Amino acid sequence: MPRIKYVNDNEWGTVFHNFKKEEFRCPKYCDGFPSKIAYSLLEVMQNLRNKYGAIRINSAVRCVQYNSELNGSVSDSDHLEGCACDWSLENHVFSEAEKNEIMTYIRTLPNIKYTYSNQTNMFNGIHISVNPTYELANITKFEIVEVGIDYVKIDFETDEVVDFAMYSLNGEDYINLDS
């Protein structure tokens, strides 16, 4: 099956040129990275930094113990999986109208699960949770993947679709793309 796509160490400062991995560190009880960070989260955060400038990461990856200490956090928080971030702008206090405008924009971005803000425990921050993206490489030589009612056969060494069909019987009824 496909795997969640995470940020690789060599992508900090290059693909995500405005971010350092340390900005996403859990501050207590662990080595700082009890989970990898979802690629889709960094795509959203890079988009926001490009649009709004200097962003402060208030909370990103969390270990279970740290998460359990925070008011308002839930035991299945997306922060535990590297799929959430609380952030604010450097040296700027959002008005409620600004927060609403920014959250409206965030909801238009790909892979957004939800976004919210509250004054009870987030002060000036905005929360973002993302749906992870998936990568298909390095699983098996070939795998049949159901896509709706269609099936595709993928060569995971090349990440190419090699066959497809409207239906599959015993995993073998494909239409060859070369014919």
Foldseek 3Di string as FASTA:
>chain_A
DWDFDFDDQVCDCPVLVPDDPQLAFADDDDPRPLETAFPVQSVLVSVCCVVPNAKRWPYAAHDQVVQVPAPPGDNPDLSPHNFKTKMAHPPDADDPVRLVVVQVVSVVDPFWPHKDDDCPRRNRIIMTGGHTDTDQADDDQWDWDDDPQKIFIAGRVVRDTQWIDSHDDPNPDTDGPVD
